[in-house]
Amino acid sequence: MTQPILLRVSNFKAYVWDVDDINILRSHHHICGILTGTLPHLSSQNIFLGLPLQLMPEEAVLLVENGIAVLVDDPSAHHTPSPSVLKSWKEARLNDVRQQIALTEEKGSIEASNPDRAMSENAKRKRKEREERRARAKSDGVPCIPAEHSPSPRPTPENPSQTTVGETPDNTIAMPSGSYTVNIPASSSKLEWYAPRSHISLTIAREAGIWLYPSTLQERARCGVFRDLWEKGYYMGGGIKFGGEYLVYPGDPLRYHSHFVASVIEAPDAALRPMEIVAHGRLGTGTKKAHLLCEWNDETQVVSYLSVEWAGFG
């Protein structure tokens, strides 16, 4: 049986920290979420974001109700470790760092003993060109002044979890001198003092005080509309930039443009002004989308749809 995905709740918001879980949610369950974390060594932090993945409340409710995920009170899952446990964890981490440094030094010594092997074809070509220029300058009697070679910057690691160790992690244990790039595990799941308590239903999570959504008619309507569109095979994203609750995609948003902007109407007798319909129609047409009015009936648990497009006449 597949283990449920852990939705780590903090401040009534659900997050996913595992990359494999994010892949499963997107590829198997049509759940995209929004990446909200920063990526080390990346300049455009407002464009390229990383873990964690924050889910919309409707996405979290759908996953828990379908048994795909469980809610975890993440702040209370971190307990205070005992001194002996903390000491053993530090020793294990330092041993892992030493092994990585040893492998790096071994690789460096191999490359130093055979420099041609470590050089790329482009580097070999440039070296040959430099040697030819020096030979021509020497034959012409012109002194060749070699250009100053500034030390090349250390390559930025592609893996966001990589970091540079420049000082001793533990003052009581001597570490090799110099700077090295090592991989440090960032997940809390394997820590001995991390003991998450799973809440398999919304009722249990509400009683525990970590989750309240949905608690109003409008929130129930949003959950009902989201589920109905999800069951029809659509992907949903936030639609506030286009004047609605959701953007509705026929497939993965990385491959398709959205076809609809969906607005949720919480009840059949809810007021809807004519100017709102006109605004939705013109805005949707201006962005090459149809505006979808989604009416929720809380008694029958049924969603009715009406699409609005600007006809271009009058």
C-alpha atoms as a PDB file:
ATOM      1  CA  MET A   1       0.000   0.000   0.000  1.00  0.00           C
ATOM      2  CA  THR A   2       1.321   3.463  -0.919  1.00  0.00           C
ATOM      3  CA  GLN A   3       2.188   5.675   2.024  1.00  0.00           C
ATOM      4  CA  PRO A   4       0.125   8.890   2.224  1.00  0.00           C
ATOM      5  CA  ILE A   5       1.889  12.128   1.413  1.00  0.00           C
ATOM      6  CA  LEU A   6       2.724  14.306   4.411  1.00  0.00           C
ATOM      7  CA  LEU A   7       1.280  17.811   4.232  1.00  0.00           C
ATOM      8  CA  ARG A   8       3.217  19.748   6.848  1.00  0.00           C
ATOM      9  CA  VAL A   9       0.939  22.404   8.323  1.00  0.00           C
ATOM     10  CA  SER A  10       2.260  25.635   9.767  1.00  0.00           C
ATOM     11  CA  ASN A  11       0.072  28.643  10.535  1.00  0.00           C
ATOM     12  CA  PHE A  12      -2.925  26.874   8.899  1.00  0.00           C
ATOM     13  CA  LYS A  13      -1.069  26.521   5.588  1.00  0.00           C
ATOM     14  CA  ALA A  14      -0.104  23.177   4.025  1.00  0.00           C
ATOM     15  CA  TYR A  15       3.383  22.636   2.602  1.00  0.00           C
ATOM     16  CA  VAL A  16       5.097  19.774   0.763  1.00  0.00           C
ATOM     17  CA  TRP A  17       8.847  19.469   1.307  1.00  0.00           C
ATOM     18  CA  ASP A  18       9.675  16.251  -0.532  1.00  0.00           C
ATOM     19  CA  VAL A  19      10.555  16.528  -4.230  1.00  0.00           C
ATOM     20  CA  ASP A  20       9.259  13.017  -4.972  1.00  0.00           C
ATOM     21  CA  ASP A  21       5.913  13.871  -3.357  1.00  0.00           C
ATOM     22  CA  ILE A  22       5.677  17.018  -5.486  1.00  0.00           C
ATOM     23  CA  ASN A  23       6.287  14.960  -8.601  1.00  0.00           C
ATOM     24  CA  ILE A  24       3.583  12.452  -7.613  1.00  0.00           C
ATOM     25  CA  LEU A  25       1.062  15.207  -6.858  1.00  0.00           C
ATOM     26  CA  ARG A  26       1.638  16.875 -10.207  1.00  0.00           C
ATOM     27  CA  SER A  27       1.912  13.844 -12.480  1.00  0.00           C
ATOM     28  CA  HIS A  28      -0.678  11.548 -10.881  1.00  0.00           C
ATOM     29  CA  HIS A  29      -3.140  13.829  -9.066  1.00  0.00           C
ATOM     30  CA  HIS A  30      -3.214  17.084 -11.112  1.00  0.00           C
ATOM     31  CA  ILE A  31      -2.118  19.130  -8.082  1.00  0.00           C
ATOM     32  CA  CYS A  32       0.402  21.888  -8.847  1.00  0.00           C
ATOM     33  CA  GLY A  33       0.626  24.220  -5.853  1.00  0.00           C
ATOM     34  CA  ILE A  34       3.066  27.130  -5.731  1.00  0.00           C
ATOM     35  CA  LEU A  35       6.787  26.968  -4.971  1.00  0.00           C
ATOM     36  CA  THR A  36       7.553  29.514  -2.238  1.00  0.00           C
ATOM     37  CA  GLY A  37      11.144  28.794  -1.157  1.00  0.00           C
ATOM     38  CA  THR A  38      14.391  30.418  -2.257  1.00  0.00           C
ATOM     39  CA  LEU A  39      17.225  28.760  -4.179  1.00  0.00           C
ATOM     40  CA  PRO A  40      20.808  29.363  -2.972  1.00  0.00           C
ATOM     41  CA  HIS A  41      23.218  31.166  -5.318  1.00  0.00           C
ATOM     42  CA  LEU A  42      20.383  32.208  -7.629  1.00  0.00           C
ATOM     43  CA  SER A  43      20.015  35.908  -8.433  1.00  0.00           C
ATOM     44  CA  SER A  44      16.401  36.010  -9.672  1.00  0.00           C
ATOM     45  CA  GLN A  45      14.745  34.939  -6.445  1.00  0.00           C
ATOM     46  CA  ASN A  46      11.380  36.378  -7.495  1.00  0.00           C
ATOM     47  CA  ILE A  47      11.285  34.257 -10.678  1.00  0.00           C
ATOM     48  CA  PHE A  48      12.870  30.898  -9.873  1.00  0.00           C
ATOM     49  CA  LEU A  49      11.636  29.540  -6.557  1.00  0.00           C
ATOM     50  CA  GLY A  50      12.217  26.246  -4.767  1.00  0.00           C
ATOM     51  CA  LEU A  51      10.928  24.140  -1.903  1.00  0.00           C
ATOM     52  CA  PRO A  52       8.594  24.100  -0.110  1.00  0.00           C
ATOM     53  CA  LEU A  53       5.501  23.769  -2.275  1.00  0.00           C
ATOM     54  CA  GLN A  54       2.544  25.604  -0.768  1.00  0.00           C
ATOM     55  CA  LEU A  55      -0.870  24.163  -1.539  1.00  0.00           C
ATOM     56  CA  MET A  56      -4.117  26.037  -1.865  1.00  0.00           C
ATOM     57  CA  PRO A  57      -6.528  25.136   0.965  1.00  0.00           C
ATOM     58  CA  GLU A  58      -8.826  23.487  -1.594  1.00  0.00           C
ATOM     59  CA  GLU A  59      -5.964  21.292  -2.808  1.00  0.00           C
ATOM     60  CA  ALA A  60      -5.120  20.182   0.724  1.00  0.00           C
ATOM     61  CA  VAL A  61      -8.775  19.420   1.526  1.00  0.00           C
ATOM     62  CA  LEU A  62      -9.160  17.372  -1.655  1.00  0.00           C
ATOM     63  CA  LEU A  63      -6.023  15.315  -0.968  1.00  0.00           C
ATOM     64  CA  VAL A  64      -6.988  14.552   2.636  1.00  0.00           C
ATOM     65  CA  GLU A  65     -10.598  13.665   1.788  1.00  0.00           C
ATOM     66  CA  ASN A  66      -9.401  11.284  -0.944  1.00  0.00           C
ATOM     67  CA  GLY A  67      -6.900   9.611   1.370  1.00  0.00           C
ATOM     68  CA  ILE A  68      -3.947  10.727  -0.762  1.00  0.00           C
ATOM     69  CA  ALA A  69      -2.349  12.807   1.981  1.00  0.00           C
ATOM     70  CA  VAL A  70      -2.452  13.429   5.719  1.00  0.00           C
ATOM     71  CA  LEU A  71      -1.989  16.620   7.701  1.00  0.00           C
ATOM     72  CA  VAL A  72       0.974  16.948  10.055  1.00  0.00           C
ATOM     73  CA  ASP A  73       1.455  19.607  12.727  1.00  0.00           C
ATOM     74  CA  ASP A  74       5.042  20.377  11.730  1.00  0.00           C
ATOM     75  CA  PRO A  75       6.065  22.847  14.492  1.00  0.00           C
ATOM     76  CA  SER A  76       5.137  20.394  17.267  1.00  0.00           C
ATOM     77  CA  ALA A  77       6.826  17.463  15.467  1.00  0.00           C
ATOM     78  CA  HIS A  78      10.295  18.800  16.280  1.00  0.00           C
ATOM     79  CA  HIS A  79      11.248  17.698  19.786  1.00  0.00           C
ATOM     80  CA  THR A  80      14.317  18.711  21.788  1.00  0.00           C
ATOM     81  CA  PRO A  81      17.058  16.088  21.288  1.00  0.00           C
ATOM     82  CA  SER A  82      19.055  14.718  24.208  1.00  0.00           C
ATOM     83  CA  PRO A  83      22.780  15.599  24.390  1.00  0.00           C
ATOM     84  CA  SER A  84      23.793  12.034  23.466  1.00  0.00           C
ATOM     85  CA  VAL A  85      21.494  11.957  20.415  1.00  0.00           C
ATOM     86  CA  LEU A  86      22.723  15.376  19.305  1.00  0.00           C
ATOM     87  CA  LYS A  87      26.359  14.304  19.731  1.00  0.00           C
ATOM     88  CA  SER A  88      25.859  11.148  17.644  1.00  0.00           C
ATOM     89  CA  TRP A  89      24.103  13.187  14.950  1.00  0.00           C
ATOM     90  CA  LYS A  90      27.019  15.652  14.795  1.00  0.00           C
ATOM     91  CA  GLU A  91      29.556  12.826  14.557  1.00  0.00           C
ATOM     92  CA  ALA A  92      27.610  11.159  11.744  1.00  0.00           C
ATOM     93  CA  ARG A  93      27.365  14.438   9.863  1.00  0.00           C
ATOM     94  CA  LEU A  94      31.094  15.140  10.238  1.00  0.00           C
ATOM     95  CA  ASN A  95      31.961  11.616   9.095  1.00  0.00           C
ATOM     96  CA  ASP A  96      29.859  12.153   5.994  1.00  0.00           C
ATOM     97  CA  VAL A  97      31.630  15.479   5.353  1.00  0.00           C
ATOM     98  CA  ARG A  98      35.050  13.825   5.729  1.00  0.00           C
ATOM     99  CA  GLN A  99      34.119  11.107   3.246  1.00  0.00           C
ATOM    100  CA  GLN A 100      32.996  13.674   0.689  1.00  0.00           C
ATOM    101  CA  ILE A 101      36.191  15.705   1.182  1.00  0.00           C
ATOM    102  CA  ALA A 102      38.325  12.580   0.807  1.00  0.00           C
ATOM    103  CA  LEU A 103      36.597  11.723  -2.475  1.00  0.00           C
ATOM    104  CA  THR A 104      37.086  15.298  -3.710  1.00  0.00           C
ATOM    105  CA  GLU A 105      40.805  15.227  -2.860  1.00  0.00           C
ATOM    106  CA  GLU A 106      41.235  11.838  -4.504  1.00  0.00           C
ATOM    107  CA  LYS A 107      39.550  13.103  -7.671  1.00  0.00           C
ATOM    108  CA  GLY A 108      41.726  16.229  -7.617  1.00  0.00           C
ATOM    109  CA  SER A 109      44.941  14.224  -7.288  1.00  0.00           C
ATOM    110  CA  ILE A 110      43.926  12.014 -10.235  1.00  0.00           C
ATOM    111  CA  GLU A 111      43.207  15.053 -12.392  1.00  0.00           C
ATOM    112  CA  ALA A 112      46.489  16.707 -11.338  1.00  0.00           C
ATOM    113  CA  SER A 113      48.482  13.634 -12.324  1.00  0.00           C
ATOM    114  CA  ASN A 114      46.831  13.570 -15.754  1.00  0.00           C
ATOM    115  CA  PRO A 115      45.882  17.165 -16.653  1.00  0.00           C
ATOM    116  CA  ASP A 116      45.005  16.362 -20.273  1.00  0.00           C
ATOM    117  CA  ARG A 117      42.301  13.982 -19.082  1.00  0.00           C
ATOM    118  CA  ALA A 118      40.626  16.622 -16.930  1.00  0.00           C
ATOM    119  CA  MET A 119      40.673  19.246 -19.676  1.00  0.00           C
ATOM    120  CA  SER A 120      37.860  19.580 -22.142  1.00  0.00           C
ATOM    121  CA  GLU A 121      38.397  19.777 -25.872  1.00  0.00           C
ATOM    122  CA  ASN A 122      37.776  23.518 -25.801  1.00  0.00           C
ATOM    123  CA  ALA A 123      40.415  24.009 -23.088  1.00  0.00           C
ATOM    124  CA  LYS A 124      42.927  21.904 -25.039  1.00  0.00           C
ATOM    125  CA  ARG A 125      42.299  23.998 -28.161  1.00  0.00           C
ATOM    126  CA  LYS A 126      42.833  27.261 -26.264  1.00  0.00           C
ATOM    127  CA  ARG A 127      46.049  25.932 -24.704  1.00  0.00           C
ATOM    128  CA  LYS A 128      47.341  24.960 -28.149  1.00  0.00           C
ATOM    129  CA  GLU A 129      46.519  28.432 -29.506  1.00  0.00           C
ATOM    130  CA  ARG A 130      48.386  30.087 -26.633  1.00  0.00           C
ATOM    131  CA  GLU A 131      51.443  27.913 -27.219  1.00  0.00           C
ATOM    132  CA  GLU A 132      51.386  28.768 -30.935  1.00  0.00           C
ATOM    133  CA  ARG A 133      51.203  32.510 -30.204  1.00  0.00           C
ATOM    134  CA  ARG A 134      54.131  32.255 -27.810  1.00  0.00           C
ATOM    135  CA  ALA A 135      56.142  30.345 -30.413  1.00  0.00           C
ATOM    136  CA  ARG A 136      55.423  32.970 -33.102  1.00  0.00           C
ATOM    137  CA  ALA A 137      56.288  35.827 -30.767  1.00  0.00           C
ATOM    138  CA  LYS A 138      59.557  34.130 -29.801  1.00  0.00           C
ATOM    139  CA  SER A 139      60.531  33.584 -33.434  1.00  0.00           C
ATOM    140  CA  ASP A 140      59.826  37.253 -34.257  1.00  0.00           C
ATOM    141  CA  GLY A 141      61.986  38.402 -31.360  1.00  0.00           C
ATOM    142  CA  VAL A 142      59.093  40.063 -29.504  1.00  0.00           C
ATOM    143  CA  PRO A 143      59.048  39.322 -25.783  1.00  0.00           C
ATOM    144  CA  CYS A 144      55.922  37.454 -24.811  1.00  0.00           C
ATOM    145  CA  ILE A 145      54.307  38.827 -21.693  1.00  0.00           C
ATOM    146  CA  PRO A 146      51.893  36.264 -20.321  1.00  0.00           C
ATOM    147  CA  ALA A 147      48.565  37.591 -19.170  1.00  0.00           C
ATOM    148  CA  GLU A 148      47.848  37.499 -15.498  1.00  0.00           C
ATOM    149  CA  HIS A 149      45.647  34.625 -14.645  1.00  0.00           C
ATOM    150  CA  SER A 150      43.197  35.437 -11.914  1.00  0.00           C
ATOM    151  CA  PRO A 151      42.065  32.470  -9.881  1.00  0.00           C
ATOM    152  CA  SER A 152      38.907  31.066 -11.396  1.00  0.00           C
ATOM    153  CA  PRO A 153      35.855  31.299  -9.140  1.00  0.00           C
ATOM    154  CA  ARG A 154      34.621  28.170  -7.548  1.00  0.00           C
ATOM    155  CA  PRO A 155      31.749  26.717  -9.622  1.00  0.00           C
ATOM    156  CA  THR A 156      28.312  27.266  -8.190  1.00  0.00           C
ATOM    157  CA  PRO A 157      26.764  23.936  -7.207  1.00  0.00           C
ATOM    158  CA  GLU A 158      23.727  22.955  -9.249  1.00  0.00           C
ATOM    159  CA  ASN A 159      22.149  21.229  -6.283  1.00  0.00           C
ATOM    160  CA  PRO A 160      20.476  23.796  -3.973  1.00  0.00           C
ATOM    161  CA  SER A 161      21.242  21.582  -0.972  1.00  0.00           C
ATOM    162  CA  GLN A 162      25.008  21.957  -1.522  1.00  0.00           C
ATOM    163  CA  THR A 163      27.001  24.393   0.578  1.00  0.00           C
ATOM    164  CA  THR A 164      30.613  25.359   1.083  1.00  0.00           C
ATOM    165  CA  VAL A 165      32.376  24.393   4.277  1.00  0.00           C
ATOM    166  CA  GLY A 166      34.922  27.026   5.159  1.00  0.00           C
ATOM    167  CA  GLU A 167      35.246  26.609   8.871  1.00  0.00           C
ATOM    168  CA  THR A 168      35.138  23.847  11.379  1.00  0.00           C
ATOM    169  CA  PRO A 169      31.544  22.653  12.001  1.00  0.00           C
ATOM    170  CA  ASP A 170      32.523  21.439  15.432  1.00  0.00           C
ATOM    171  CA  ASN A 171      35.292  23.212  17.351  1.00  0.00           C
ATOM    172  CA  THR A 172      36.179  20.066  19.266  1.00  0.00           C
ATOM    173  CA  ILE A 173      36.944  18.081  16.076  1.00  0.00           C
ATOM    174  CA  ALA A 174      39.634  19.230  13.646  1.00  0.00           C
ATOM    175  CA  MET A 175      38.597  19.469   9.999  1.00  0.00           C
ATOM    176  CA  PRO A 176      40.861  19.664   6.950  1.00  0.00           C
ATOM    177  CA  SER A 177      42.026  23.155   6.007  1.00  0.00           C
ATOM    178  CA  GLY A 178      40.756  24.810   2.854  1.00  0.00           C
ATOM    179  CA  SER A 179      37.353  25.189   1.269  1.00  0.00           C
ATOM    180  CA  TYR A 180      35.347  22.262  -0.034  1.00  0.00           C
ATOM    181  CA  THR A 181      31.940  21.781  -1.531  1.00  0.00           C
ATOM    182  CA  VAL A 182      29.940  19.163   0.337  1.00  0.00           C
ATOM    183  CA  ASN A 183      26.379  17.869   0.318  1.00  0.00           C
ATOM    184  CA  ILE A 184      24.481  18.312   3.580  1.00  0.00           C
ATOM    185  CA  PRO A 185      21.089  16.553   3.968  1.00  0.00           C
ATOM    186  CA  ALA A 186      18.387  19.134   4.686  1.00  0.00           C
ATOM    187  CA  SER A 187      15.414  16.861   5.363  1.00  0.00           C
ATOM    188  CA  SER A 188      14.065  16.539   8.897  1.00  0.00           C
ATOM    189  CA  SER A 189      12.240  13.268   8.276  1.00  0.00           C
ATOM    190  CA  LYS A 190      15.223  11.076   9.216  1.00  0.00           C
ATOM    191  CA  LEU A 191      16.133  12.926  12.401  1.00  0.00           C
ATOM    192  CA  GLU A 192      15.630  10.926  15.583  1.00  0.00           C
ATOM    193  CA  TRP A 193      13.933  13.819  17.358  1.00  0.00           C
ATOM    194  CA  TYR A 194      11.438  14.436  14.543  1.00  0.00           C
ATOM    195  CA  ALA A 195       8.204  12.609  15.399  1.00  0.00           C
ATOM    196  CA  PRO A 196       5.282  13.797  13.252  1.00  0.00           C
ATOM    197  CA  ARG A 197       1.739  12.970  14.234  1.00  0.00           C
ATOM    198  CA  SER A 198      -0.500  12.368  11.232  1.00  0.00           C
ATOM    199  CA  HIS A 199      -4.123  13.544  11.094  1.00  0.00           C
ATOM    200  CA  ILE A 200      -5.919  11.376   8.570  1.00  0.00           C
ATOM    201  CA  SER A 201      -9.138  13.410   8.400  1.00  0.00           C
ATOM    202  CA  LEU A 202     -10.192  17.041   8.448  1.00  0.00           C
ATOM    203  CA  THR A 203     -12.319  16.459  11.543  1.00  0.00           C
ATOM    204  CA  ILE A 204      -9.371  15.165  13.548  1.00  0.00           C
ATOM    205  CA  ALA A 205      -7.165  18.013  12.312  1.00  0.00           C
ATOM    206  CA  ARG A 206      -9.852  20.547  13.228  1.00  0.00           C
ATOM    207  CA  GLU A 207     -10.149  19.076  16.726  1.00  0.00           C
ATOM    208  CA  ALA A 208      -6.368  19.276  17.094  1.00  0.00           C
ATOM    209  CA  GLY A 209      -6.520  22.970  16.150  1.00  0.00           C
ATOM    210  CA  ILE A 210      -4.168  22.817  13.151  1.00  0.00           C
ATOM    211  CA  TRP A 211      -6.709  23.110  10.311  1.00  0.00           C
ATOM    212  CA  LEU A 212      -9.982  25.030   9.985  1.00  0.00           C
ATOM    213  CA  TYR A 213     -10.741  25.087   6.242  1.00  0.00           C
ATOM    214  CA  PRO A 214     -13.562  24.940   5.127  1.00  0.00           C
ATOM    215  CA  SER A 215     -15.577  26.665   7.837  1.00  0.00           C
ATOM    216  CA  THR A 216     -17.905  28.995   5.885  1.00  0.00           C
ATOM    217  CA  LEU A 217     -20.343  28.632   2.991  1.00  0.00           C
ATOM    218  CA  GLN A 218     -17.969  30.429   0.626  1.00  0.00           C
ATOM    219  CA  GLU A 219     -15.106  28.084   1.574  1.00  0.00           C
ATOM    220  CA  ARG A 220     -17.325  25.009   1.139  1.00  0.00           C
ATOM    221  CA  ALA A 221     -18.371  26.338  -2.270  1.00  0.00           C
ATOM    222  CA  ARG A 222     -14.740  26.790  -3.322  1.00  0.00           C
ATOM    223  CA  CYS A 223     -13.909  23.251  -2.227  1.00  0.00           C
ATOM    224  CA  GLY A 224     -16.955  21.851  -4.054  1.00  0.00           C
ATOM    225  CA  VAL A 225     -16.176  23.678  -7.303  1.00  0.00           C
ATOM    226  CA  PHE A 226     -12.496  22.764  -7.117  1.00  0.00           C
ATOM    227  CA  ARG A 227     -13.317  19.079  -6.606  1.00  0.00           C
ATOM    228  CA  ASP A 228     -15.828  19.027  -9.465  1.00  0.00           C
ATOM    229  CA  LEU A 229     -13.359  20.576 -11.918  1.00  0.00           C
ATOM    230  CA  TRP A 230     -10.593  18.290 -10.667  1.00  0.00           C
ATOM    231  CA  GLU A 231     -12.765  15.213 -11.196  1.00  0.00           C
ATOM    232  CA  LYS A 232     -13.364  16.371 -14.775  1.00  0.00           C
ATOM    233  CA  GLY A 233      -9.595  16.136 -15.351  1.00  0.00           C
ATOM    234  CA  TYR A 234      -8.643  19.805 -15.200  1.00  0.00           C
ATOM    235  CA  TYR A 235      -5.616  21.380 -13.530  1.00  0.00           C
ATOM    236  CA  MET A 236      -6.238  24.453 -11.392  1.00  0.00           C
ATOM    237  CA  GLY A 237      -4.080  27.397 -10.415  1.00  0.00           C
ATOM    238  CA  GLY A 238      -4.663  30.701  -8.676  1.00  0.00           C
ATOM    239  CA  GLY A 239      -6.771  33.092 -10.753  1.00  0.00           C
ATOM    240  CA  ILE A 240      -6.622  36.327  -8.788  1.00  0.00           C
ATOM    241  CA  LYS A 241      -4.577  38.057 -11.524  1.00  0.00           C
ATOM    242  CA  PHE A 242      -7.443  37.470 -13.961  1.00  0.00           C
ATOM    243  CA  GLY A 243     -10.336  38.396 -11.688  1.00  0.00           C
ATOM    244  CA  GLY A 244     -11.384  34.904 -10.562  1.00  0.00           C
ATOM    245  CA  GLU A 245     -10.672  32.209  -8.032  1.00  0.00           C
ATOM    246  CA  TYR A 246      -8.958  29.726 -10.372  1.00  0.00           C
ATOM    247  CA  LEU A 247      -7.311  29.398 -13.739  1.00  0.00           C
ATOM    248  CA  VAL A 248      -8.549  26.194 -15.368  1.00  0.00           C
ATOM    249  CA  TYR A 249      -6.087  24.291 -17.556  1.00  0.00           C
ATOM    250  CA  PRO A 250      -6.883  21.340 -19.861  1.00  0.00           C
ATOM    251  CA  GLY A 251      -3.514  19.785 -18.946  1.00  0.00           C
ATOM    252  CA  ASP A 252      -0.297  20.519 -17.089  1.00  0.00           C
ATOM    253  CA  PRO A 253       0.220  24.316 -16.903  1.00  0.00           C
ATOM    254  CA  LEU A 254       3.803  23.794 -18.088  1.00  0.00           C
ATOM    255  CA  ARG A 255       2.413  22.584 -21.422  1.00  0.00           C
ATOM    256  CA  TYR A 256      -0.956  24.329 -21.839  1.00  0.00           C
ATOM    257  CA  HIS A 257      -2.478  27.769 -21.506  1.00  0.00           C
ATOM    258  CA  SER A 258      -5.562  28.079 -19.343  1.00  0.00           C
ATOM    259  CA  HIS A 259      -8.917  27.982 -21.128  1.00  0.00           C
ATOM    260  CA  PHE A 260     -11.108  29.405 -18.354  1.00  0.00           C
ATOM    261  CA  VAL A 261     -11.043  31.843 -15.466  1.00  0.00           C
ATOM    262  CA  ALA A 262     -13.382  30.414 -12.834  1.00  0.00           C
ATOM    263  CA  SER A 263     -15.373  32.462 -10.313  1.00  0.00           C
ATOM    264  CA  VAL A 264     -17.232  30.745  -7.486  1.00  0.00           C
ATOM    265  CA  ILE A 265     -20.812  31.708  -6.652  1.00  0.00           C
ATOM    266  CA  GLU A 266     -21.580  30.276  -3.219  1.00  0.00           C
ATOM    267  CA  ALA A 267     -25.355  29.837  -3.620  1.00  0.00           C
ATOM    268  CA  PRO A 268     -28.087  29.840  -6.320  1.00  0.00           C
ATOM    269  CA  ASP A 269     -29.648  32.942  -4.775  1.00  0.00           C
ATOM    270  CA  ALA A 270     -26.374  34.871  -4.451  1.00  0.00           C
ATOM    271  CA  ALA A 271     -26.453  38.372  -5.951  1.00  0.00           C
ATOM    272  CA  LEU A 272     -24.543  38.959  -9.188  1.00  0.00           C
ATOM    273  CA  ARG A 273     -24.578  42.440 -10.719  1.00  0.00           C
ATOM    274  CA  PRO A 274     -24.784  42.884 -14.513  1.00  0.00           C
ATOM    275  CA  MET A 275     -21.620  44.981 -14.460  1.00  0.00           C
ATOM    276  CA  GLU A 276     -19.727  42.047 -12.949  1.00  0.00           C
ATOM    277  CA  ILE A 277     -20.817  39.809 -15.822  1.00  0.00           C
ATOM    278  CA  VAL A 278     -19.726  42.438 -18.371  1.00  0.00           C
ATOM    279  CA  ALA A 279     -16.378  42.922 -16.624  1.00  0.00           C
ATOM    280  CA  HIS A 280     -15.739  39.177 -16.442  1.00  0.00           C
ATOM    281  CA  GLY A 281     -16.620  38.736 -20.105  1.00  0.00           C
ATOM    282  CA  ARG A 282     -14.426  41.565 -21.371  1.00  0.00           C
ATOM    283  CA  LEU A 283     -11.470  40.681 -19.138  1.00  0.00           C
ATOM    284  CA  GLY A 284     -11.635  37.029 -20.107  1.00  0.00           C
ATOM    285  CA  THR A 285     -11.823  37.812 -23.810  1.00  0.00           C
ATOM    286  CA  GLY A 286      -8.980  40.320 -23.506  1.00  0.00           C
ATOM    287  CA  THR A 287      -6.763  37.574 -22.071  1.00  0.00           C
ATOM    288  CA  LYS A 288      -7.983  34.953 -24.588  1.00  0.00           C
ATOM    289  CA  LYS A 289      -9.991  33.003 -22.029  1.00  0.00           C
ATOM    290  CA  ALA A 290     -13.642  32.356 -21.303  1.00  0.00           C
ATOM    291  CA  HIS A 291     -14.906  33.344 -17.875  1.00  0.00           C
ATOM    292  CA  LEU A 292     -16.585  30.479 -16.035  1.00  0.00           C
ATOM    293  CA  LEU A 293     -19.280  31.251 -13.469  1.00  0.00           C
ATOM    294  CA  CYS A 294     -19.472  28.266 -11.086  1.00  0.00           C
ATOM    295  CA  GLU A 295     -22.614  28.134  -8.957  1.00  0.00           C
ATOM    296  CA  TRP A 296     -22.496  25.879  -5.894  1.00  0.00           C
ATOM    297  CA  ASN A 297     -25.618  24.385  -4.309  1.00  0.00           C
ATOM    298  CA  ASP A 298     -24.778  23.469  -0.728  1.00  0.00           C
ATOM    299  CA  GLU A 299     -27.932  21.357  -0.301  1.00  0.00           C
ATOM    300  CA  THR A 300     -27.573  19.163  -3.372  1.00  0.00           C
ATOM    301  CA  GLN A 301     -23.760  19.372  -3.548  1.00  0.00           C
ATOM    302  CA  VAL A 302     -24.019  20.094  -7.293  1.00  0.00           C
ATOM    303  CA  VAL A 303     -22.120  22.662  -9.389  1.00  0.00           C
ATOM    304  CA  SER A 304     -23.724  24.527 -12.311  1.00  0.00           C
ATOM    305  CA  TYR A 305     -21.554  26.269 -14.916  1.00  0.00           C
ATOM    306  CA  LEU A 306     -22.097  29.249 -17.178  1.00  0.00           C
ATOM    307  CA  SER A 307     -19.343  30.558 -19.482  1.00  0.00           C
ATOM    308  CA  VAL A 308     -19.196  34.208 -20.512  1.00  0.00           C
ATOM    309  CA  GLU A 309     -17.440  35.555 -23.608  1.00  0.00           C
ATOM    310  CA  TRP A 310     -17.496  38.986 -25.270  1.00  0.00           C
ATOM    311  CA  ALA A 311     -19.386  38.664 -28.543  1.00  0.00           C
ATOM    312  CA  GLY A 312     -17.866  41.766 -30.129  1.00  0.00           C
ATOM    313  CA  PHE A 313     -21.115  43.366 -31.278  1.00  0.00           C
ATOM    314  CA  GLY A 314     -22.998  46.432 -30.116  1.00  0.00           C
END
